[in-house]
Amino acid sequence: MTMFLYFTTIFFFILLCVVLCLVIMMQEGKGGGGGVLGVGGGDTSNSLFGASTSDVLKKFTGWLVAIFLASCVILSFWTTSLGRTAQKRSSTTYIEEEIKS
């Protein structure tokens, strides 16, 4: 059950990475032109998401980055914990086999 939850979390983390990349590419550059994806280039008053697209995207990107960083830390600790558990299991199995020999 733990491994299923772990891999489900990894899946959602990868999905978060893809969404974060897309949102970053939708934002306007410093030159004032549209984003890489071309959503709202030129006249921002007729943008697909409304007149305040840049403000909404900046806030949304900020939240996504915060979630990304928090999930990085959580997954890092979780992976380390799983590695230590696996190492303890293998070392106790090795010791038990040596005792039996």
PDB file of N, CA and C in Angstrom:
ATOM      1  N   MET A   1       0.822  -1.197   0.000  1.00  0.00           N
ATOM      2  CA  MET A   1       0.000   0.000   0.000  1.00  0.00           C
ATOM      3  C   MET A   1       0.866   1.262   0.000  1.00  0.00           C
ATOM      4  N   THR A   2       1.955   1.219   0.749  1.00  0.00           N
ATOM      5  CA  THR A   2       2.844   2.372   0.830  1.00  0.00           C
ATOM      6  C   THR A   2       3.470   2.678  -0.522  1.00  0.00           C
ATOM      7  N   MET A   3       3.870   1.625  -1.240  1.00  0.00           N
ATOM      8  CA  MET A   3       4.497   1.839  -2.544  1.00  0.00           C
ATOM      9  C   MET A   3       3.490   2.397  -3.557  1.00  0.00           C
ATOM     10  N   PHE A   4       2.243   1.951  -3.482  1.00  0.00           N
ATOM     11  CA  PHE A   4       1.219   2.486  -4.380  1.00  0.00           C
ATOM     12  C   PHE A   4       1.041   3.982  -4.142  1.00  0.00           C
ATOM     13  N   LEU A   5       0.972   4.380  -2.889  1.00  0.00           N
ATOM     14  CA  LEU A   5       0.830   5.787  -2.543  1.00  0.00           C
ATOM     15  C   LEU A   5       2.055   6.582  -2.986  1.00  0.00           C
ATOM     16  N   TYR A   6       3.229   5.989  -2.828  1.00  0.00           N
ATOM     17  CA  TYR A   6       4.474   6.643  -3.233  1.00  0.00           C
ATOM     18  C   TYR A   6       4.487   6.895  -4.744  1.00  0.00           C
ATOM     19  N   PHE A   7       4.169   5.870  -5.533  1.00  0.00           N
ATOM     20  CA  PHE A   7       4.199   6.033  -6.983  1.00  0.00           C
ATOM     21  C   PHE A   7       3.059   6.921  -7.490  1.00  0.00           C
ATOM     22  N   THR A   8       1.941   6.934  -6.807  1.00  0.00           N
ATOM     23  CA  THR A   8       0.863   7.857  -7.147  1.00  0.00           C
ATOM     24  C   THR A   8       1.314   9.297  -6.910  1.00  0.00           C
ATOM     25  N   THR A   9       2.024   9.516  -5.820  1.00  0.00           N
ATOM     26  CA  THR A   9       2.561  10.841  -5.520  1.00  0.00           C
ATOM     27  C   THR A   9       3.587  11.250  -6.570  1.00  0.00           C
ATOM     28  N   ILE A  10       4.427  10.317  -6.991  1.00  0.00           N
ATOM     29  CA  ILE A  10       5.403  10.599  -8.048  1.00  0.00           C
ATOM     30  C   ILE A  10       4.686  10.986  -9.339  1.00  0.00           C
ATOM     31  N   PHE A  11       3.594  10.275  -9.676  1.00  0.00           N
ATOM     32  CA  PHE A  11       2.829  10.590 -10.879  1.00  0.00           C
ATOM     33  C   PHE A  11       2.284  12.013 -10.819  1.00  0.00           C
ATOM     34  N   PHE A  12       1.705  12.390  -9.685  1.00  0.00           N
ATOM     35  CA  PHE A  12       1.157  13.741  -9.551  1.00  0.00           C
ATOM     36  C   PHE A  12       2.265  14.796  -9.548  1.00  0.00           C
ATOM     37  N   PHE A  13       3.439  14.442  -9.050  1.00  0.00           N
ATOM     38  CA  PHE A  13       4.579  15.351  -9.078  1.00  0.00           C
ATOM     39  C   PHE A  13       5.006  15.612 -10.528  1.00  0.00           C
ATOM     40  N   ILE A  14       5.063  14.576 -11.344  1.00  0.00           N
ATOM     41  CA  ILE A  14       5.426  14.740 -12.750  1.00  0.00           C
ATOM     42  C   ILE A  14       4.359  15.553 -13.480  1.00  0.00           C
ATOM     43  N   LEU A  15       3.104  15.305 -13.170  1.00  0.00           N
ATOM     44  CA  LEU A  15       2.019  16.086 -13.749  1.00  0.00           C
ATOM     45  C   LEU A  15       2.146  17.561 -13.364  1.00  0.00           C
ATOM     46  N   LEU A  16       2.498  17.820 -12.109  1.00  0.00           N
ATOM     47  CA  LEU A  16       2.728  19.184 -11.640  1.00  0.00           C
ATOM     48  C   LEU A  16       3.867  19.836 -12.420  1.00  0.00           C
ATOM     49  N   CYS A  17       4.923  19.091 -12.693  1.00  0.00           N
ATOM     50  CA  CYS A  17       6.055  19.626 -13.460  1.00  0.00           C
ATOM     51  C   CYS A  17       5.623  20.041 -14.863  1.00  0.00           C
ATOM     52  N   VAL A  18       4.815  19.215 -15.503  1.00  0.00           N
ATOM     53  CA  VAL A  18       4.343  19.530 -16.857  1.00  0.00           C
ATOM     54  C   VAL A  18       3.456  20.778 -16.831  1.00  0.00           C
ATOM     55  N   VAL A  19       2.541  20.849 -15.884  1.00  0.00           N
ATOM     56  CA  VAL A  19       1.650  22.016 -15.783  1.00  0.00           C
ATOM     57  C   VAL A  19       2.456  23.276 -15.498  1.00  0.00           C
ATOM     58  N   LEU A  20       3.448  23.169 -14.623  1.00  0.00           N
ATOM     59  CA  LEU A  20       4.287  24.319 -14.302  1.00  0.00           C
ATOM     60  C   LEU A  20       5.047  24.798 -15.536  1.00  0.00           C
ATOM     61  N   CYS A  21       5.568  23.877 -16.317  1.00  0.00           N
ATOM     62  CA  CYS A  21       6.266  24.263 -17.556  1.00  0.00           C
ATOM     63  C   CYS A  21       5.321  24.978 -18.516  1.00  0.00           C
ATOM     64  N   LEU A  22       4.116  24.465 -18.672  1.00  0.00           N
ATOM     65  CA  LEU A  22       3.143  25.086 -19.577  1.00  0.00           C
ATOM     66  C   LEU A  22       2.744  26.482 -19.111  1.00  0.00           C
ATOM     67  N   VAL A  23       2.528  26.641 -17.821  1.00  0.00           N
ATOM     68  CA  VAL A  23       2.132  27.949 -17.286  1.00  0.00           C
ATOM     69  C   VAL A  23       3.264  28.957 -17.452  1.00  0.00           C
ATOM     70  N   ILE A  24       4.490  28.526 -17.250  1.00  0.00           N
ATOM     71  CA  ILE A  24       5.629  29.427 -17.426  1.00  0.00           C
ATOM     72  C   ILE A  24       5.761  29.846 -18.889  1.00  0.00           C
ATOM     73  N   MET A  25       5.532  28.911 -19.809  1.00  0.00           N
ATOM     74  CA  MET A  25       5.638  29.252 -21.231  1.00  0.00           C
ATOM     75  C   MET A  25       4.507  30.162 -21.697  1.00  0.00           C
ATOM     76  N   MET A  26       3.385  30.179 -20.994  1.00  0.00           N
ATOM     77  CA  MET A  26       2.264  31.039 -21.374  1.00  0.00           C
ATOM     78  C   MET A  26       2.486  32.491 -20.968  1.00  0.00           C
ATOM     79  N   GLN A  27       3.400  32.739 -20.069  1.00  0.00           N
ATOM     80  CA  GLN A  27       3.596  34.100 -19.568  1.00  0.00           C
ATOM     81  C   GLN A  27       4.332  34.957 -20.577  1.00  0.00           C
ATOM     82  N   GLU A  28       4.114  36.268 -20.456  1.00  0.00           N
ATOM     83  CA  GLU A  28       4.790  37.219 -21.325  1.00  0.00           C
ATOM     84  C   GLU A  28       6.239  37.361 -20.911  1.00  0.00           C
ATOM     85  N   GLY A  29       7.090  37.603 -21.891  1.00  0.00           N
ATOM     86  CA  GLY A  29       8.489  37.873 -21.603  1.00  0.00           C
ATOM     87  C   GLY A  29       8.679  39.313 -21.185  1.00  0.00           C
ATOM     88  N   LYS A  30       9.909  39.675 -20.829  1.00  0.00           N
ATOM     89  CA  LYS A  30      10.186  41.053 -20.424  1.00  0.00           C
ATOM     90  C   LYS A  30      10.110  42.011 -21.602  1.00  0.00           C
ATOM     91  N   GLY A  31      10.197  41.479 -22.817  1.00  0.00           N
ATOM     92  CA  GLY A  31      10.123  42.323 -23.998  1.00  0.00           C
ATOM     93  C   GLY A  31       8.710  42.777 -24.320  1.00  0.00           C
ATOM     94  N   GLY A  32       7.722  42.241 -23.616  1.00  0.00           N
ATOM     95  CA  GLY A  32       6.351  42.659 -23.821  1.00  0.00           C
ATOM     96  C   GLY A  32       5.602  41.805 -24.825  1.00  0.00           C
ATOM     97  N   GLY A  33       6.295  40.915 -25.511  1.00  0.00           N
ATOM     98  CA  GLY A  33       5.631  40.051 -26.473  1.00  0.00           C
ATOM     99  C   GLY A  33       4.878  38.944 -25.763  1.00  0.00           C
ATOM    100  N   GLY A  34       4.146  38.162 -26.538  1.00  0.00           N
ATOM    101  CA  GLY A  34       3.386  37.061 -25.962  1.00  0.00           C
ATOM    102  C   GLY A  34       4.304  35.956 -25.486  1.00  0.00           C
ATOM    103  N   GLY A  35       3.741  35.018 -24.784  1.00  0.00           N
ATOM    104  CA  GLY A  35       4.515  33.888 -24.309  1.00  0.00           C
ATOM    105  C   GLY A  35       4.862  32.947 -25.448  1.00  0.00           C
ATOM    106  N   VAL A  36       5.599  31.930 -25.150  1.00  0.00           N
ATOM    107  CA  VAL A  36       6.027  30.958 -26.141  1.00  0.00           C
ATOM    108  C   VAL A  36       4.827  30.280 -26.786  1.00  0.00           C
ATOM    109  N   LEU A  37       3.793  30.038 -26.012  1.00  0.00           N
ATOM    110  CA  LEU A  37       2.615  29.363 -26.543  1.00  0.00           C
ATOM    111  C   LEU A  37       1.701  30.293 -27.317  1.00  0.00           C
ATOM    112  N   GLY A  38       1.978  31.568 -27.312  1.00  0.00           N
ATOM    113  CA  GLY A  38       1.216  32.511 -28.114  1.00  0.00           C
ATOM    114  C   GLY A  38      -0.143  32.879 -27.547  1.00  0.00           C
ATOM    115  N   VAL A  39      -0.383  32.612 -26.286  1.00  0.00           N
ATOM    116  CA  VAL A  39      -1.674  32.960 -25.700  1.00  0.00           C
ATOM    117  C   VAL A  39      -1.617  34.409 -25.250  1.00  0.00           C
ATOM    118  N   GLY A  40      -2.299  35.264 -25.947  1.00  0.00           N
ATOM    119  CA  GLY A  40      -2.387  36.656 -25.520  1.00  0.00           C
ATOM    120  C   GLY A  40      -1.259  37.543 -25.988  1.00  0.00           C
ATOM    121  N   GLY A  41      -0.571  37.204 -27.039  1.00  0.00           N
ATOM    122  CA  GLY A  41       0.484  38.060 -27.549  1.00  0.00           C
ATOM    123  C   GLY A  41      -0.111  39.317 -28.171  1.00  0.00           C
ATOM    124  N   GLY A  42       0.643  40.385 -28.174  1.00  0.00           N
ATOM    125  CA  GLY A  42       0.163  41.622 -28.785  1.00  0.00           C
ATOM    126  C   GLY A  42      -0.780  42.372 -27.871  1.00  0.00           C
ATOM    127  N   ASP A  43      -2.029  42.500 -28.265  1.00  0.00           N
ATOM    128  CA  ASP A  43      -3.029  43.256 -27.511  1.00  0.00           C
ATOM    129  C   ASP A  43      -3.535  42.407 -26.341  1.00  0.00           C
ATOM    130  N   THR A  44      -3.129  42.781 -25.121  1.00  0.00           N
ATOM    131  CA  THR A  44      -3.508  41.983 -23.948  1.00  0.00           C
ATOM    132  C   THR A  44      -4.945  42.215 -23.517  1.00  0.00           C
ATOM    133  N   SER A  45      -5.606  43.229 -24.041  1.00  0.00           N
ATOM    134  CA  SER A  45      -6.991  43.465 -23.635  1.00  0.00           C
ATOM    135  C   SER A  45      -7.936  42.427 -24.245  1.00  0.00           C
ATOM    136  N   ASN A  46      -7.534  41.798 -25.329  1.00  0.00           N
ATOM    137  CA  ASN A  46      -8.347  40.768 -25.961  1.00  0.00           C
ATOM    138  C   ASN A  46      -7.770  39.379 -25.707  1.00  0.00           C
ATOM    139  N   SER A  47      -7.132  39.209 -24.593  1.00  0.00           N
ATOM    140  CA  SER A  47      -6.493  37.944 -24.260  1.00  0.00           C
ATOM    141  C   SER A  47      -7.524  36.851 -24.021  1.00  0.00           C
ATOM    142  N   LEU A  48      -7.088  35.642 -24.171  1.00  0.00           N
ATOM    143  CA  LEU A  48      -7.954  34.486 -23.979  1.00  0.00           C
ATOM    144  C   LEU A  48      -8.496  34.418 -22.550  1.00  0.00           C
ATOM    145  N   PHE A  49      -7.677  34.809 -21.566  1.00  0.00           N
ATOM    146  CA  PHE A  49      -8.059  34.702 -20.161  1.00  0.00           C
ATOM    147  C   PHE A  49      -8.521  36.024 -19.561  1.00  0.00           C
ATOM    148  N   GLY A  50      -8.650  37.080 -20.348  1.00  0.00           N
ATOM    149  CA  GLY A  50      -9.096  38.364 -19.833  1.00  0.00           C
ATOM    150  C   GLY A  50      -7.973  39.382 -19.802  1.00  0.00           C
ATOM    151  N   ALA A  51      -8.286  40.566 -19.282  1.00  0.00           N
ATOM    152  CA  ALA A  51      -7.333  41.670 -19.306  1.00  0.00           C
ATOM    153  C   ALA A  51      -6.204  41.507 -18.300  1.00  0.00           C
ATOM    154  N   SER A  52      -6.448  40.849 -17.198  1.00  0.00           N
ATOM    155  CA  SER A  52      -5.410  40.724 -16.160  1.00  0.00           C
ATOM    156  C   SER A  52      -4.750  39.344 -16.189  1.00  0.00           C
ATOM    157  N   THR A  53      -4.497  38.853 -17.385  1.00  0.00           N
ATOM    158  CA  THR A  53      -3.914  37.515 -17.539  1.00  0.00           C
ATOM    159  C   THR A  53      -2.565  37.410 -16.865  1.00  0.00           C
ATOM    160  N   SER A  54      -1.721  38.430 -17.035  1.00  0.00           N
ATOM    161  CA  SER A  54      -0.376  38.337 -16.479  1.00  0.00           C
ATOM    162  C   SER A  54      -0.406  38.253 -14.955  1.00  0.00           C
ATOM    163  N   ASP A  55      -1.314  38.986 -14.320  1.00  0.00           N
ATOM    164  CA  ASP A  55      -1.416  38.935 -12.860  1.00  0.00           C
ATOM    165  C   ASP A  55      -1.890  37.560 -12.393  1.00  0.00           C
ATOM    166  N   VAL A  56      -2.878  37.017 -13.076  1.00  0.00           N
ATOM    167  CA  VAL A  56      -3.406  35.707 -12.705  1.00  0.00           C
ATOM    168  C   VAL A  56      -2.349  34.635 -12.901  1.00  0.00           C
ATOM    169  N   LEU A  57      -1.647  34.686 -14.028  1.00  0.00           N
ATOM    170  CA  LEU A  57      -0.612  33.690 -14.298  1.00  0.00           C
ATOM    171  C   LEU A  57       0.546  33.790 -13.318  1.00  0.00           C
ATOM    172  N   LYS A  58       0.898  35.008 -12.914  1.00  0.00           N
ATOM    173  CA  LYS A  58       1.980  35.175 -11.940  1.00  0.00           C
ATOM    174  C   LYS A  58       1.595  34.567 -10.596  1.00  0.00           C
ATOM    175  N   LYS A  59       0.371  34.820 -10.155  1.00  0.00           N
ATOM    176  CA  LYS A  59      -0.077  34.243  -8.880  1.00  0.00           C
ATOM    177  C   LYS A  59      -0.164  32.720  -8.975  1.00  0.00           C
ATOM    178  N   PHE A  60      -0.711  32.237 -10.081  1.00  0.00           N
ATOM    179  CA  PHE A  60      -0.845  30.793 -10.273  1.00  0.00           C
ATOM    180  C   PHE A  60       0.523  30.128 -10.329  1.00  0.00           C
ATOM    181  N   THR A  61       1.469  30.774 -11.007  1.00  0.00           N
ATOM    182  CA  THR A  61       2.835  30.242 -11.074  1.00  0.00           C
ATOM    183  C   THR A  61       3.468  30.226  -9.687  1.00  0.00           C
ATOM    184  N   GLY A  62       3.238  31.271  -8.919  1.00  0.00           N
ATOM    185  CA  GLY A  62       3.781  31.315  -7.555  1.00  0.00           C
ATOM    186  C   GLY A  62       3.266  30.166  -6.700  1.00  0.00           C
ATOM    187  N   TRP A  63       1.970  29.903  -6.792  1.00  0.00           N
ATOM    188  CA  TRP A  63       1.396  28.787  -6.033  1.00  0.00           C
ATOM    189  C   TRP A  63       1.949  27.451  -6.519  1.00  0.00           C
ATOM    190  N   LEU A  64       2.067  27.296  -7.841  1.00  0.00           N
ATOM    191  CA  LEU A  64       2.608  26.044  -8.377  1.00  0.00           C
ATOM    192  C   LEU A  64       4.056  25.834  -7.938  1.00  0.00           C
ATOM    193  N   VAL A  65       4.840  26.905  -7.927  1.00  0.00           N
ATOM    194  CA  VAL A  65       6.233  26.799  -7.495  1.00  0.00           C
ATOM    195  C   VAL A  65       6.307  26.422  -6.018  1.00  0.00           C
ATOM    196  N   ALA A  66       5.450  27.001  -5.192  1.00  0.00           N
ATOM    197  CA  ALA A  66       5.441  26.660  -3.761  1.00  0.00           C
ATOM    198  C   ALA A  66       5.075  25.193  -3.554  1.00  0.00           C
ATOM    199  N   ILE A  67       4.068  24.719  -4.282  1.00  0.00           N
ATOM    200  CA  ILE A  67       3.675  23.314  -4.189  1.00  0.00           C
ATOM    201  C   ILE A  67       4.787  22.417  -4.709  1.00  0.00           C
ATOM    202  N   PHE A  68       5.444  22.847  -5.790  1.00  0.00           N
ATOM    203  CA  PHE A  68       6.557  22.081  -6.363  1.00  0.00           C
ATOM    204  C   PHE A  68       7.697  21.935  -5.360  1.00  0.00           C
ATOM    205  N   LEU A  69       8.090  23.036  -4.737  1.00  0.00           N
ATOM    206  CA  LEU A  69       9.191  22.982  -3.775  1.00  0.00           C
ATOM    207  C   LEU A  69       8.837  22.131  -2.555  1.00  0.00           C
ATOM    208  N   ALA A  70       7.625  22.278  -2.050  1.00  0.00           N
ATOM    209  CA  ALA A  70       7.205  21.477  -0.896  1.00  0.00           C
ATOM    210  C   ALA A  70       7.176  19.993  -1.253  1.00  0.00           C
ATOM    211  N   SER A  71       6.671  19.678  -2.437  1.00  0.00           N
ATOM    212  CA  SER A  71       6.618  18.263  -2.823  1.00  0.00           C
ATOM    213  C   SER A  71       8.007  17.709  -3.087  1.00  0.00           C
ATOM    214  N   CYS A  72       8.938  18.540  -3.561  1.00  0.00           N
ATOM    215  CA  CYS A  72      10.325  18.090  -3.722  1.00  0.00           C
ATOM    216  C   CYS A  72      10.923  17.665  -2.383  1.00  0.00           C
ATOM    217  N   VAL A  73      10.717  18.494  -1.376  1.00  0.00           N
ATOM    218  CA  VAL A  73      11.259  18.186  -0.049  1.00  0.00           C
ATOM    219  C   VAL A  73      10.598  16.938   0.526  1.00  0.00           C
ATOM    220  N   ILE A  74       9.284  16.847   0.424  1.00  0.00           N
ATOM    221  CA  ILE A  74       8.555  15.694   0.957  1.00  0.00           C
ATOM    222  C   ILE A  74       8.991  14.410   0.259  1.00  0.00           C
ATOM    223  N   LEU A  75       9.068  14.447  -1.076  1.00  0.00           N
ATOM    224  CA  LEU A  75       9.474  13.248  -1.814  1.00  0.00           C
ATOM    225  C   LEU A  75      10.921  12.875  -1.533  1.00  0.00           C
ATOM    226  N   SER A  76      11.762  13.859  -1.294  1.00  0.00           N
ATOM    227  CA  SER A  76      13.156  13.578  -0.952  1.00  0.00           C
ATOM    228  C   SER A  76      13.258  12.822   0.374  1.00  0.00           C
ATOM    229  N   PHE A  77      12.563  13.322   1.388  1.00  0.00           N
ATOM    230  CA  PHE A  77      12.581  12.636   2.682  1.00  0.00           C
ATOM    231  C   PHE A  77      11.937  11.252   2.589  1.00  0.00           C
ATOM    232  N   TRP A  78      10.856  11.152   1.831  1.00  0.00           N
ATOM    233  CA  TRP A  78      10.150   9.884   1.686  1.00  0.00           C
ATOM    234  C   TRP A  78      11.030   8.852   0.985  1.00  0.00           C
ATOM    235  N   THR A  79      11.725   9.268  -0.075  1.00  0.00           N
ATOM    236  CA  THR A  79      12.618   8.362  -0.804  1.00  0.00           C
ATOM    237  C   THR A  79      13.769   7.906   0.083  1.00  0.00           C
ATOM    238  N   THR A  80      14.325   8.820   0.854  1.00  0.00           N
ATOM    239  CA  THR A  80      15.399   8.463   1.781  1.00  0.00           C
ATOM    240  C   THR A  80      14.904   7.459   2.820  1.00  0.00           C
ATOM    241  N   SER A  81      13.716   7.680   3.328  1.00  0.00           N
ATOM    242  CA  SER A  81      13.131   6.769   4.313  1.00  0.00           C
ATOM    243  C   SER A  81      12.922   5.375   3.720  1.00  0.00           C
ATOM    244  N   LEU A  82      12.416   5.321   2.489  1.00  0.00           N
ATOM    245  CA  LEU A  82      12.212   4.028   1.842  1.00  0.00           C
ATOM    246  C   LEU A  82      13.547   3.316   1.598  1.00  0.00           C
ATOM    247  N   GLY A  83      14.574   4.082   1.244  1.00  0.00           N
ATOM    248  CA  GLY A  83      15.896   3.495   1.029  1.00  0.00           C
ATOM    249  C   GLY A  83      16.485   2.933   2.311  1.00  0.00           C
ATOM    250  N   ARG A  84      16.316   3.645   3.410  1.00  0.00           N
ATOM    251  CA  ARG A  84      16.828   3.152   4.697  1.00  0.00           C
ATOM    252  C   ARG A  84      16.085   1.902   5.139  1.00  0.00           C
ATOM    253  N   THR A  85      14.788   1.870   4.917  1.00  0.00           N
ATOM    254  CA  THR A  85      13.996   0.694   5.277  1.00  0.00           C
ATOM    255  C   THR A  85      14.443  -0.515   4.470  1.00  0.00           C
ATOM    256  N   ALA A  86      14.663  -0.318   3.175  1.00  0.00           N
ATOM    257  CA  ALA A  86      15.122  -1.424   2.317  1.00  0.00           C
ATOM    258  C   ALA A  86      16.510  -1.874   2.726  1.00  0.00           C
ATOM    259  N   GLN A  87      17.366  -0.944   3.112  1.00  0.00           N
ATOM    260  CA  GLN A  87      18.716  -1.297   3.525  1.00  0.00           C
ATOM    261  C   GLN A  87      18.695  -2.087   4.832  1.00  0.00           C
ATOM    262  N   LYS A  88      17.832  -1.700   5.773  1.00  0.00           N
ATOM    263  CA  LYS A  88      17.720  -2.440   7.029  1.00  0.00           C
ATOM    264  C   LYS A  88      17.228  -3.857   6.786  1.00  0.00           C
ATOM    265  N   ARG A  89      16.249  -3.992   5.880  1.00  0.00           N
ATOM    266  CA  ARG A  89      15.729  -5.326   5.570  1.00  0.00           C
ATOM    267  C   ARG A  89      16.812  -6.206   4.963  1.00  0.00           C
ATOM    268  N   SER A  90      17.587  -5.658   4.037  1.00  0.00           N
ATOM    269  CA  SER A  90      18.615  -6.465   3.385  1.00  0.00           C
ATOM    270  C   SER A  90      19.743  -6.813   4.352  1.00  0.00           C
ATOM    271  N   SER A  91      20.087  -5.900   5.250  1.00  0.00           N
ATOM    272  CA  SER A  91      21.160  -6.190   6.198  1.00  0.00           C
ATOM    273  C   SER A  91      20.719  -7.222   7.234  1.00  0.00           C
ATOM    274  N   THR A  92      19.473  -7.154   7.697  1.00  0.00           N
ATOM    275  CA  THR A  92      19.011  -8.158   8.651  1.00  0.00           C
ATOM    276  C   THR A  92      18.869  -9.521   7.985  1.00  0.00           C
ATOM    277  N   THR A  93      18.487  -9.548   6.711  1.00  0.00           N
ATOM    278  CA  THR A  93      18.405 -10.808   5.983  1.00  0.00           C
ATOM    279  C   THR A  93      19.797 -11.397   5.823  1.00  0.00           C
ATOM    280  N   TYR A  94      20.769 -10.572   5.520  1.00  0.00           N
ATOM    281  CA  TYR A  94      22.148 -11.028   5.367  1.00  0.00           C
ATOM    282  C   TYR A  94      22.673 -11.577   6.687  1.00  0.00           C
ATOM    283  N   ILE A  95      22.390 -10.895   7.786  1.00  0.00           N
ATOM    284  CA  ILE A  95      22.852 -11.355   9.099  1.00  0.00           C
ATOM    285  C   ILE A  95      22.186 -12.673   9.473  1.00  0.00           C
ATOM    286  N   GLU A  96      20.901 -12.795   9.213  1.00  0.00           N
ATOM    287  CA  GLU A  96      20.180 -14.048   9.502  1.00  0.00           C
ATOM    288  C   GLU A  96      20.743 -15.196   8.685  1.00  0.00           C
ATOM    289  N   GLU A  97      21.112 -14.956   7.436  1.00  0.00           N
ATOM    290  CA  GLU A  97      21.694 -16.007   6.605  1.00  0.00           C
ATOM    291  C   GLU A  97      23.067 -16.398   7.105  1.00  0.00           C
ATOM    292  N   GLU A  98      23.847 -15.440   7.584  1.00  0.00           N
ATOM    293  CA  GLU A  98      25.167 -15.732   8.122  1.00  0.00           C
ATOM    294  C   GLU A  98      25.066 -16.542   9.420  1.00  0.00           C
ATOM    295  N   ILE A  99      24.057 -16.256  10.220  1.00  0.00           N
ATOM    296  CA  ILE A  99      23.877 -16.989  11.475  1.00  0.00           C
ATOM    297  C   ILE A  99      23.478 -18.430  11.186  1.00  0.00           C
ATOM    298  N   LYS A 100      22.643 -18.630  10.179  1.00  0.00           N
ATOM    299  CA  LYS A 100      22.205 -19.977   9.819  1.00  0.00           C
ATOM    300  C   LYS A 100      23.355 -20.795   9.240  1.00  0.00           C
ATOM    301  N   SER A 101      24.326 -20.165   8.609  1.00  0.00           N
ATOM    302  CA  SER A 101      25.425 -20.893   7.952  1.00  0.00           C
ATOM    303  C   SER A 101      26.407 -21.451   8.906  1.00  0.00           C
TER     304      SER A 101
END
